[in-house]
Protein backbone atom coordinates (compact mmCIF):
# COMPACT_ATOMS: atom_id res chain seq x y z
CA MET A 1 -63.81 54.92 -17.91
CA ASN A 2 -63.19 54.01 -21.51
CA THR A 3 -62.83 50.22 -21.71
CA THR A 4 -60.75 50.38 -24.91
CA ASN A 5 -57.90 51.89 -22.88
CA ILE A 6 -58.01 49.28 -20.11
CA ARG A 7 -56.78 46.29 -22.13
CA PRO A 8 -53.59 47.93 -23.49
CA LEU A 9 -52.85 49.40 -20.08
CA TYR A 10 -53.30 46.00 -18.38
CA PHE A 11 -51.17 44.35 -21.06
CA CYS A 12 -48.35 46.88 -20.56
CA TYR A 13 -48.56 46.54 -16.78
CA THR A 14 -48.44 42.73 -16.99
CA ALA A 15 -45.60 42.70 -19.52
CA PHE A 16 -43.56 45.19 -17.52
CA THR A 17 -44.13 43.24 -14.29
CA LEU A 18 -42.92 40.02 -15.92
CA LEU A 19 -39.95 41.84 -17.43
CA TYR A 20 -38.58 43.36 -14.24
CA GLN A 21 -39.37 40.34 -12.05
CA GLY A 22 -37.19 38.24 -14.33
CA ASP A 23 -34.34 40.75 -14.28
CA PRO A 24 -31.63 40.03 -11.68
CA LEU A 25 -31.09 43.75 -11.08
CA LEU A 26 -34.73 44.75 -10.65
CA CYS A 27 -36.28 41.54 -9.27
CA ASP A 28 -36.38 42.70 -5.63
CA LEU A 29 -38.59 45.72 -6.39
CA HIS A 30 -42.26 45.58 -5.45
CA THR A 31 -45.05 45.17 -8.03
CA GLU A 32 -46.13 48.81 -8.05
CA VAL A 33 -42.65 50.13 -8.77
CA THR A 34 -42.19 53.74 -9.86
CA LEU A 35 -39.82 55.09 -12.49
CA GLU A 36 -37.83 56.82 -9.72
CA GLU A 37 -37.30 53.49 -7.95
CA ILE A 38 -36.10 51.84 -11.17
CA LYS A 39 -33.67 54.70 -11.84
CA SER A 40 -32.41 54.47 -8.25
CA GLN A 41 -31.86 50.72 -8.53
CA ILE A 42 -29.89 51.18 -11.74
CA ALA A 43 -27.84 53.99 -10.18
CA LEU A 44 -27.05 51.67 -7.25
CA GLU A 45 -25.74 49.05 -9.64
CA HIS A 46 -23.53 51.61 -11.37
CA GLY A 47 -22.12 52.86 -8.06
CA LYS A 48 -23.74 56.27 -8.40
CA ALA A 49 -26.12 55.95 -5.46
CA ILE A 50 -26.33 54.63 -1.92
CA THR A 51 -29.12 53.06 0.06
CA VAL A 52 -29.87 54.26 3.57
CA ASN A 53 -32.05 52.04 5.76
CA VAL A 54 -33.51 53.63 8.90
CA GLN A 55 -35.11 51.35 11.48
CA ARG A 56 -37.71 53.10 13.61
CA ALA A 57 -38.39 52.25 17.24
CA ASP A 58 -41.48 50.25 16.16
CA ASP A 59 -39.21 48.03 13.94
CA ILE A 60 -40.43 49.52 10.65
CA VAL A 61 -37.54 49.92 8.22
CA LEU A 62 -37.59 52.93 5.93
CA ARG A 63 -35.42 52.78 2.80
CA LYS A 64 -34.14 55.83 0.96
CA TYR A 65 -31.97 55.93 -2.15
CA GLY A 66 -29.49 58.76 -2.53
CA ILE A 67 -28.26 59.47 -6.03
CA SER A 68 -25.08 61.48 -6.44
């Protein structure tokens, strides 16, 4: 791997992590968030999506965002 690409990538990852962790809308997302999850969270805030939580028999909760 080319080491000249690692530093900017790490910088962007760190900056983005600090940015969304400090945002009241996005702060409850996990650290390896995807663009789809960010778009879903924003759609939820705008009332254009719903969240469906499904609890399995083994108590694992699955979360799915539905965007209309």
